[in-house]
Amino acid sequence: MRDPEARQTLKVELDRCVKCGMCLPECPTYRLEANENESPRGRLALIEGLLNGRLQDDKPLRRHLDNCLTCRRCERICPSQVRYGHLIDQARSLLSDDAPRRLSALVQNRSAMTWGTRLARAVPAALSLPLGPLHRLHELGRALAHGPPAPRPGEYPTDMKAPRGRVGLFLGCAGAAQQGGALQAASKLLRRAGYQVSVPADAGCCGAMSQHSGDLSAAAQLADINRSAFGPDLDAVVSIASGCGIHIDSYQPAMPSRHLDIVKFLLDRGGFTGDDFAPLPRQVLLHTPCSIENVYRGAGWARALLALIPQLEILSLGEAGQCCGAAGDYMLRRPGTAARLRQPLLDRIPPGTAHIVLTGNVGCAMHLADGLRDRDPAVEVLHPVELLARQLRDRPSA
């Protein structure tokens, strides 16, 4: 164990767990494997054994800790309010295996992700088959439909005569590479709502995957970059990926301007009504990412905002707490387990129908789209703001 201060922090937090077991039936990996070591309580016992010297930093222990999805469902129901997400990140920082950190560093490189996505869409996936996780990244890069690029750095004015404020738009790494259309939709809705949109040139990855892989110093450096990029002169900073959002909200010190998820921002401050959107008489399937369900406790946000679209019927995809298995770069490192976790959600999508699946996190979108690509290629996987922007009526001329 390399950091005495981290050891002490872990011990204090571990003492909060009373080992009641309420977390077990809520944990996706425990439900899948029925193995105590694949549960939150079991993983905390492994961490405690590691700290006390009863267990070694070996491959089986690292695998059990690495298998955690960091969905944080356990935190939602824990009577002792154990900060499990913090614990697992700290524990991973003390392990000797650096392979997950190397993979997360690649995924978090925006240029590499952008060019890699372009290459993935142009080159047959079979060519990358010998490359392991990079082959999965190649497959995932082809999953979402090709759309417009992310907004370039700059200032985007509102068309209102009296702007309501100025909002920073966080692009992210996978979001900028994979969901340029969602970022363009967010910008369009924000500007229609009366906000000038600022896209800083020097913002970077949020740092979530570095944090979850145990590379805490890299995560802290990325947080510093983003705090500098988004100054205190903004009314808010918004992001489209909930996984990025909850990590941005954990920055210490916090961002100079308050951060909000785009759906929450538009719901609270957008000022839209049903008259702003054209009717859409069809069904959509709404997936709620774990980050929104378990951390933000915002499962109703997207439904409330989408309800502004007249005649839209919104159906839930999956039950509360049903993780899709994406979990950041987990779908790259553990593709088999990730696919098993995803399958119950895919089974709820009627085959042969041109459904729209909506989800508020880029990793979930990529993972779901990858599972649907061969089975139901007509299914669209979109961010909720993409559908809202599609249905947004033109502003009446004065």
Protein backbone atom coordinates (compact mmCIF):
# COMPACT_ATOMS: atom_id res chain seq x y z
CA MET A 1 0.00 0.00 0.00
CA ARG A 2 1.66 3.16 -1.24
CA ASP A 3 -0.04 6.10 0.52
CA PRO A 4 -0.38 6.18 4.35
CA GLU A 5 -2.87 9.06 4.22
CA ALA A 6 -5.09 7.15 1.79
CA ARG A 7 -4.89 4.09 4.05
CA GLN A 8 -6.18 6.10 7.00
CA THR A 9 -8.97 7.68 4.94
CA LEU A 10 -10.07 4.24 3.83
CA LYS A 11 -10.07 2.86 7.37
CA VAL A 12 -12.27 5.69 8.66
CA GLU A 13 -14.80 5.22 5.87
CA LEU A 14 -14.75 1.41 6.13
CA ASP A 15 -15.74 1.67 9.80
CA ARG A 16 -19.07 3.19 8.73
CA CYS A 17 -20.18 -0.08 7.12
CA VAL A 18 -22.21 -2.23 9.57
CA LYS A 19 -22.26 -5.19 7.13
CA CYS A 20 -26.06 -5.36 7.12
CA GLY A 21 -26.17 -6.67 3.54
CA MET A 22 -28.91 -4.35 2.29
CA CYS A 23 -26.65 -3.48 -0.63
CA LEU A 24 -26.38 -7.03 -1.96
CA PRO A 25 -29.69 -7.35 -3.85
CA GLU A 26 -29.23 -3.84 -5.26
CA CYS A 27 -25.79 -4.54 -6.77
CA PRO A 28 -25.83 -5.45 -10.49
CA THR A 29 -22.67 -7.58 -10.35
CA TYR A 30 -23.86 -9.47 -7.26
CA ARG A 31 -27.22 -10.18 -8.90
CA LEU A 32 -25.36 -11.46 -11.95
CA GLU A 33 -22.75 -13.63 -10.20
CA ALA A 34 -24.27 -14.43 -6.75
CA ASN A 35 -20.76 -14.05 -5.33
CA GLU A 36 -20.15 -12.12 -2.11
CA ASN A 37 -16.89 -10.78 -3.51
CA GLU A 38 -18.90 -9.18 -6.33
CA SER A 39 -21.02 -7.18 -3.88
CA PRO A 40 -20.35 -3.85 -2.15
CA ARG A 41 -20.10 -5.52 1.25
CA GLY A 42 -17.72 -8.13 -0.14
CA ARG A 43 -15.53 -5.56 -1.85
CA LEU A 44 -15.30 -3.53 1.35
CA ALA A 45 -14.19 -6.69 3.16
CA LEU A 46 -11.51 -7.21 0.50
CA ILE A 47 -10.30 -3.62 0.91
CA GLU A 48 -10.22 -4.04 4.69
CA GLY A 49 -8.21 -7.26 4.34
CA LEU A 50 -5.78 -5.52 2.02
CA LEU A 51 -5.29 -2.67 4.47
CA ASN A 52 -4.77 -5.04 7.40
CA GLY A 53 -2.28 -7.17 5.48
CA ARG A 54 -4.45 -10.31 5.55
CA LEU A 55 -4.89 -10.20 1.76
CA GLN A 56 -2.39 -9.58 -1.01
CA ASP A 57 -2.61 -7.15 -3.91
CA ASP A 58 -3.03 -10.01 -6.36
CA LYS A 59 -4.92 -10.61 -9.60
CA PRO A 60 -8.12 -12.13 -8.08
CA LEU A 61 -8.49 -9.25 -5.61
CA ARG A 62 -7.86 -6.65 -8.28
CA ARG A 63 -10.41 -8.30 -10.55
CA HIS A 64 -13.15 -8.17 -7.90
CA LEU A 65 -12.47 -4.49 -7.25
CA ASP A 66 -12.18 -3.75 -10.95
CA ASN A 67 -15.52 -5.47 -11.62
CA CYS A 68 -17.37 -2.78 -9.66
CA LEU A 69 -19.44 -0.70 -12.08
CA THR A 70 -19.40 2.35 -9.76
CA CYS A 71 -23.14 2.63 -10.38
CA ARG A 72 -23.50 3.69 -6.71
CA ARG A 73 -26.85 1.99 -6.30
CA CYS A 74 -25.56 0.76 -2.94
CA GLU A 75 -25.09 4.35 -1.72
CA ARG A 76 -28.73 5.09 -2.43
CA ILE A 77 -30.00 2.45 -0.01
CA CYS A 78 -27.17 2.27 2.56
CA PRO A 79 -28.55 3.06 6.07
CA SER A 80 -25.06 4.06 7.25
CA GLN A 81 -24.48 6.33 4.23
CA VAL A 82 -21.15 4.72 3.38
CA ARG A 83 -19.46 6.70 0.60
CA TYR A 84 -18.83 3.60 -1.45
CA GLY A 85 -17.92 5.42 -4.66
CA HIS A 86 -15.20 7.36 -2.84
CA LEU A 87 -13.98 4.17 -1.17
CA ILE A 88 -13.62 2.15 -4.35
CA ASP A 89 -11.78 4.97 -6.13
CA GLN A 90 -9.36 5.36 -3.22
CA ALA A 91 -8.79 1.62 -3.01
CA ARG A 92 -8.04 1.35 -6.72
CA SER A 93 -5.46 4.12 -6.36
CA LEU A 94 -3.47 1.86 -4.02
CA LEU A 95 -3.36 -1.16 -6.32
CA SER A 96 -0.28 -2.04 -8.34
CA ASP A 97 -1.96 -2.74 -11.71
CA ASP A 98 -1.70 0.30 -14.00
CA ALA A 99 -3.39 -1.27 -17.06
CA PRO A 100 -6.83 0.30 -16.42
CA ARG A 101 -5.16 3.70 -16.10
CA ARG A 102 -3.45 3.36 -19.47
CA LEU A 103 -6.77 2.51 -21.12
CA SER A 104 -8.61 5.39 -19.43
CA ALA A 105 -5.85 7.80 -20.50
CA LEU A 106 -6.41 6.80 -24.12
CA VAL A 107 -10.19 7.12 -23.93
CA GLN A 108 -9.93 10.53 -22.26
CA ASN A 109 -7.76 11.99 -25.03
CA ARG A 110 -10.25 14.05 -27.05
CA SER A 111 -8.12 14.17 -30.20
CA ALA A 112 -7.49 10.43 -30.06
CA MET A 113 -11.20 9.74 -29.53
CA THR A 114 -12.28 12.07 -32.34
CA TRP A 115 -9.84 10.69 -34.89
CA GLY A 116 -10.38 7.17 -33.62
CA THR A 117 -14.13 7.52 -34.12
CA ARG A 118 -13.62 8.73 -37.68
CA LEU A 119 -11.28 5.84 -38.37
CA ALA A 120 -13.65 3.34 -36.73
CA ARG A 121 -16.46 4.41 -39.03
CA ALA A 122 -14.26 4.04 -42.10
CA VAL A 123 -12.40 0.79 -41.36
CA PRO A 124 -13.99 -2.69 -40.93
CA ALA A 125 -14.06 -3.74 -37.28
CA ALA A 126 -12.59 -7.16 -38.11
CA LEU A 127 -9.20 -5.54 -38.74
CA SER A 128 -8.83 -4.60 -35.06
CA LEU A 129 -9.90 -8.01 -33.71
CA PRO A 130 -6.43 -8.94 -32.32
CA LEU A 131 -6.22 -5.71 -30.30
CA GLY A 132 -8.48 -6.65 -27.37
CA PRO A 133 -9.95 -3.54 -25.68
CA LEU A 134 -9.01 -1.41 -28.69
CA HIS A 135 -11.17 -3.69 -30.84
CA ARG A 136 -14.09 -3.00 -28.49
CA LEU A 137 -13.37 0.72 -28.77
CA HIS A 138 -13.37 0.29 -32.56
CA GLU A 139 -16.77 -1.45 -32.41
CA LEU A 140 -18.22 1.16 -30.07
CA GLY A 141 -16.91 3.95 -32.27
CA ARG A 142 -19.14 2.62 -35.05
CA ALA A 143 -22.23 2.18 -32.85
CA LEU A 144 -23.86 5.62 -32.83
CA ALA A 145 -25.13 7.12 -36.05
CA HIS A 146 -22.73 9.58 -37.65
CA GLY A 147 -23.91 13.11 -36.96
CA PRO A 148 -22.62 16.68 -37.01
CA PRO A 149 -19.37 17.54 -35.25
CA ALA A 150 -19.34 19.12 -31.81
CA PRO A 151 -19.45 22.93 -31.65
CA ARG A 152 -16.08 24.56 -32.19
CA PRO A 153 -14.62 26.71 -29.41
CA GLY A 154 -16.12 30.18 -29.41
CA GLU A 155 -19.06 32.32 -28.35
CA TYR A 156 -22.51 31.56 -29.76
CA PRO A 157 -25.02 34.40 -29.33
CA THR A 158 -28.70 34.02 -28.55
CA ASP A 159 -31.20 35.41 -31.02
CA MET A 160 -33.03 37.18 -28.18
CA LYS A 161 -32.68 40.94 -28.05
CA ALA A 162 -32.17 40.81 -24.29
CA PRO A 163 -29.99 37.79 -23.39
CA ARG A 164 -30.88 36.02 -20.14
CA GLY A 165 -27.29 35.06 -19.38
CA ARG A 166 -24.16 33.27 -20.53
CA VAL A 167 -23.68 29.52 -20.17
CA GLY A 168 -20.54 27.42 -20.63
CA LEU A 169 -21.01 24.19 -22.61
CA PHE A 170 -18.77 21.32 -21.51
CA LEU A 171 -17.93 19.07 -24.48
CA GLY A 172 -16.04 16.24 -22.79
CA CYS A 173 -13.93 13.64 -24.61
CA ALA A 174 -16.26 10.79 -25.65
CA GLY A 175 -19.12 13.28 -25.89
CA ALA A 176 -17.24 15.49 -28.35
CA ALA A 177 -16.20 12.48 -30.43
CA GLN A 178 -19.44 10.51 -30.34
CA GLN A 179 -22.31 12.91 -29.66
CA GLY A 180 -21.58 16.07 -31.62
CA GLY A 181 -25.26 16.15 -32.55
CA ALA A 182 -26.32 16.18 -28.91
CA LEU A 183 -23.91 19.02 -28.16
CA GLN A 184 -25.23 20.98 -31.16
CA ALA A 185 -28.78 20.32 -29.92
CA ALA A 186 -27.88 21.55 -26.44
CA SER A 187 -26.41 24.73 -27.91
CA LYS A 188 -29.52 25.28 -30.05
CA LEU A 189 -31.89 24.89 -27.10
CA LEU A 190 -29.80 27.07 -24.81
CA ARG A 191 -29.63 29.87 -27.38
CA ARG A 192 -33.37 29.62 -28.03
CA ALA A 193 -33.92 29.88 -24.28
CA GLY A 194 -32.05 33.19 -24.32
CA TYR A 195 -28.53 32.22 -23.29
CA GLN A 196 -25.24 33.02 -24.98
CA VAL A 197 -23.27 29.77 -25.22
CA SER A 198 -19.55 29.75 -24.49
CA VAL A 199 -17.34 26.83 -25.60
CA PRO A 200 -13.82 27.38 -24.20
CA ALA A 201 -10.88 26.15 -26.27
CA ASP A 202 -8.84 24.89 -23.35
CA ALA A 203 -11.38 22.70 -21.52
CA GLY A 204 -10.57 18.98 -21.38
CA CYS A 205 -11.89 15.65 -20.21
CA CYS A 206 -13.79 15.71 -16.92
CA GLY A 207 -11.39 13.17 -15.37
CA ALA A 208 -14.00 10.63 -14.27
CA MET A 209 -12.33 7.63 -15.86
CA SER A 210 -8.95 8.55 -14.39
CA GLN A 211 -10.62 8.82 -10.98
CA HIS A 212 -12.40 5.49 -11.27
CA SER A 213 -9.28 3.70 -12.51
CA GLY A 214 -7.36 4.93 -9.46
CA ASP A 215 -5.26 7.59 -11.17
CA LEU A 216 -6.20 10.35 -8.74
CA SER A 217 -3.37 12.69 -9.72
CA ALA A 218 -4.42 12.68 -13.40
CA ALA A 219 -8.03 13.30 -12.35
CA ALA A 220 -6.94 16.26 -10.22
CA GLN A 221 -4.93 17.74 -13.11
CA LEU A 222 -7.94 17.52 -15.43
CA ALA A 223 -10.12 19.19 -12.80
CA ASP A 224 -7.60 22.06 -12.60
CA ILE A 225 -7.74 22.48 -16.39
CA ASN A 226 -11.52 22.70 -16.39
CA ARG A 227 -11.69 25.08 -13.44
CA SER A 228 -9.39 27.41 -15.36
CA ALA A 229 -11.34 27.04 -18.61
CA PHE A 230 -14.75 27.85 -17.14
CA GLY A 231 -14.41 31.08 -15.19
CA PRO A 232 -16.68 32.69 -12.58
CA ASP A 233 -18.29 35.02 -15.15
CA LEU A 234 -20.72 32.32 -16.36
CA ASP A 235 -24.28 31.88 -15.13
CA ALA A 236 -23.75 28.12 -15.28
CA VAL A 237 -21.72 25.35 -16.87
CA VAL A 238 -23.79 22.57 -18.47
CA SER A 239 -22.81 19.10 -19.66
CA ILE A 240 -24.72 16.51 -21.68
CA ALA A 241 -23.19 13.34 -20.17
CA SER A 242 -24.40 12.56 -16.67
CA GLY A 243 -21.30 10.49 -15.91
CA CYS A 244 -19.17 13.56 -16.58
CA GLY A 245 -21.58 15.74 -14.66
CA ILE A 246 -21.48 13.89 -11.37
CA HIS A 247 -17.69 13.91 -11.49
CA ILE A 248 -17.56 17.64 -12.24
CA ASP A 249 -19.84 18.15 -9.24
CA SER A 250 -17.29 16.33 -7.05
CA TYR A 251 -14.41 18.68 -7.89
CA GLN A 252 -12.56 19.97 -4.84
CA PRO A 253 -12.42 22.94 -5.00
CA ALA A 254 -15.62 23.31 -6.98
CA MET A 255 -15.98 24.86 -10.42
CA PRO A 256 -16.02 28.69 -10.29
CA SER A 257 -19.49 28.65 -11.90
CA ARG A 258 -22.23 26.23 -10.89
CA HIS A 259 -22.49 23.09 -13.01
CA LEU A 260 -25.82 21.54 -14.05
CA ASP A 261 -26.86 18.66 -16.26
CA ILE A 262 -28.32 20.05 -19.51
CA VAL A 263 -31.71 18.41 -18.93
CA LYS A 264 -31.97 19.81 -15.40
CA PHE A 265 -30.89 23.26 -16.61
CA LEU A 266 -33.48 23.35 -19.40
CA LEU A 267 -36.17 22.03 -17.07
CA ASP A 268 -35.49 24.68 -14.43
CA ARG A 269 -34.35 27.65 -16.50
CA GLY A 270 -35.27 26.98 -20.13
CA GLY A 271 -38.71 28.52 -19.93
CA PHE A 272 -40.07 26.24 -22.66
CA THR A 273 -43.74 25.29 -23.02
CA GLY A 274 -45.55 22.77 -25.17
CA ASP A 275 -46.19 25.48 -27.75
CA ASP A 276 -42.47 25.58 -28.53
CA PHE A 277 -42.42 22.02 -29.88
CA ALA A 278 -44.07 20.32 -32.84
CA PRO A 279 -46.20 17.25 -32.02
CA LEU A 280 -44.64 13.81 -32.33
CA PRO A 281 -47.29 11.05 -32.24
CA ARG A 282 -45.06 8.08 -31.45
CA GLN A 283 -43.52 6.08 -28.62
CA VAL A 284 -40.00 6.53 -27.31
CA LEU A 285 -38.10 4.39 -24.82
CA LEU A 286 -36.40 6.39 -22.07
CA HIS A 287 -33.35 4.89 -20.36
CA THR A 288 -32.22 6.41 -17.06
CA PRO A 289 -28.44 6.15 -16.50
CA CYS A 290 -27.23 5.03 -13.08
CA SER A 291 -25.54 8.40 -12.55
CA ILE A 292 -28.91 10.15 -12.87
CA GLU A 293 -30.90 7.52 -10.97
CA ASN A 294 -28.55 6.90 -8.06
CA VAL A 295 -26.43 10.04 -7.64
CA TYR A 296 -28.47 12.94 -9.01
CA ARG A 297 -31.77 11.30 -7.94
CA GLY A 298 -33.10 12.87 -11.13
CA ALA A 299 -34.98 9.99 -12.76
CA GLY A 300 -37.93 12.29 -13.50
CA TRP A 301 -36.00 15.13 -15.17
CA ALA A 302 -35.89 13.87 -18.76
CA ARG A 303 -39.47 12.60 -18.64
CA ALA A 304 -40.71 16.00 -17.45
CA LEU A 305 -38.81 17.86 -20.17
CA LEU A 306 -39.80 15.46 -22.95
CA ALA A 307 -43.43 15.74 -21.85
CA LEU A 308 -43.38 19.22 -23.42
CA ILE A 309 -43.47 17.52 -26.86
CA PRO A 310 -47.18 17.13 -27.71
CA GLN A 311 -48.48 13.60 -28.36
CA LEU A 312 -45.18 11.94 -27.39
CA GLU A 313 -45.63 8.69 -25.45
CA ILE A 314 -42.69 8.03 -23.13
CA LEU A 315 -42.07 4.44 -22.00
CA SER A 316 -39.41 3.38 -19.50
CA LEU A 317 -36.58 1.15 -20.68
CA GLY A 318 -35.72 -1.08 -17.75
CA GLU A 319 -36.45 -0.98 -14.04
CA ALA A 320 -35.03 1.42 -11.47
CA GLY A 321 -31.41 0.56 -10.73
CA GLN A 322 -30.98 -1.66 -13.82
CA CYS A 323 -27.45 -0.85 -15.00
CA CYS A 324 -26.80 -1.22 -18.73
CA GLY A 325 -23.21 -2.34 -18.10
CA ALA A 326 -21.43 0.52 -19.87
CA ALA A 327 -19.90 2.00 -16.70
CA GLY A 328 -17.28 4.25 -18.27
CA ASP A 329 -14.57 2.07 -19.80
CA TYR A 330 -15.93 -1.11 -18.17
CA MET A 331 -17.55 -2.06 -21.49
CA LEU A 332 -14.03 -2.04 -22.98
CA ARG A 333 -12.32 -3.95 -20.18
CA ARG A 334 -15.10 -6.45 -19.40
CA PRO A 335 -17.11 -6.73 -22.64
CA GLY A 336 -18.65 -10.11 -21.81
CA THR A 337 -20.01 -9.05 -18.43
CA ALA A 338 -21.09 -5.70 -19.84
CA ALA A 339 -23.08 -7.48 -22.55
CA ARG A 340 -24.77 -9.76 -20.00
CA LEU A 341 -25.82 -6.73 -17.96
CA ARG A 342 -27.14 -5.02 -21.09
CA GLN A 343 -29.17 -7.93 -22.46
CA PRO A 344 -32.28 -7.54 -20.23
CA LEU A 345 -32.63 -3.98 -21.51
CA LEU A 346 -32.29 -5.03 -25.14
CA ASP A 347 -34.90 -7.73 -24.57
CA ARG A 348 -37.41 -5.02 -23.67
CA ILE A 349 -37.08 -3.34 -27.07
CA PRO A 350 -39.56 -4.95 -29.48
CA PRO A 351 -37.61 -6.31 -32.48
CA GLY A 352 -38.27 -5.00 -35.94
CA THR A 353 -39.64 -1.63 -34.85
CA ALA A 354 -38.18 1.79 -35.59
CA HIS A 355 -38.12 2.88 -31.97
CA ILE A 356 -36.21 5.79 -30.54
CA VAL A 357 -34.16 5.05 -27.42
CA LEU A 358 -33.22 8.08 -25.33
CA THR A 359 -30.48 8.18 -22.70
CA GLY A 360 -28.60 11.00 -21.00
CA ASN A 361 -25.12 9.49 -20.83
CA VAL A 362 -22.74 8.96 -23.74
CA GLY A 363 -21.34 5.65 -22.49
CA CYS A 364 -24.82 4.19 -22.09
CA ALA A 365 -25.75 5.45 -25.57
CA MET A 366 -22.70 3.81 -27.17
CA HIS A 367 -23.22 0.53 -25.31
CA LEU A 368 -26.94 0.30 -26.09
CA ALA A 369 -26.42 1.26 -29.73
CA ASP A 370 -23.69 -1.35 -30.06
CA GLY A 371 -26.07 -4.03 -28.81
CA LEU A 372 -28.81 -2.92 -31.18
CA ARG A 373 -26.69 -2.43 -34.29
CA ASP A 374 -27.06 -5.92 -35.74
CA ARG A 375 -30.38 -6.85 -34.16
CA ASP A 376 -32.39 -3.70 -34.80
CA PRO A 377 -30.46 -1.26 -37.00
CA ALA A 378 -33.58 0.90 -37.42
CA VAL A 379 -33.57 1.85 -33.73
CA GLU A 380 -32.15 5.32 -33.08
CA VAL A 381 -30.25 5.99 -29.87
CA LEU A 382 -30.35 9.69 -29.03
CA HIS A 383 -29.81 12.10 -26.17
CA PRO A 384 -33.12 13.62 -24.96
CA VAL A 385 -32.00 17.08 -26.10
CA GLU A 386 -31.57 15.79 -29.66
CA LEU A 387 -35.24 14.88 -29.86
CA LEU A 388 -36.25 18.18 -28.28
CA ALA A 389 -34.13 20.13 -30.77
CA ARG A 390 -35.66 18.19 -33.67
CA GLN A 391 -39.15 19.12 -32.57
CA LEU A 392 -38.36 22.75 -31.70
CA ARG A 393 -40.57 25.02 -33.78
CA ASP A 394 -39.12 27.97 -35.63
CA ARG A 395 -39.48 31.19 -33.70
CA PRO A 396 -42.48 33.19 -35.01
CA SER A 397 -41.39 36.22 -37.00
CA ALA A 398 -42.22 39.56 -35.43
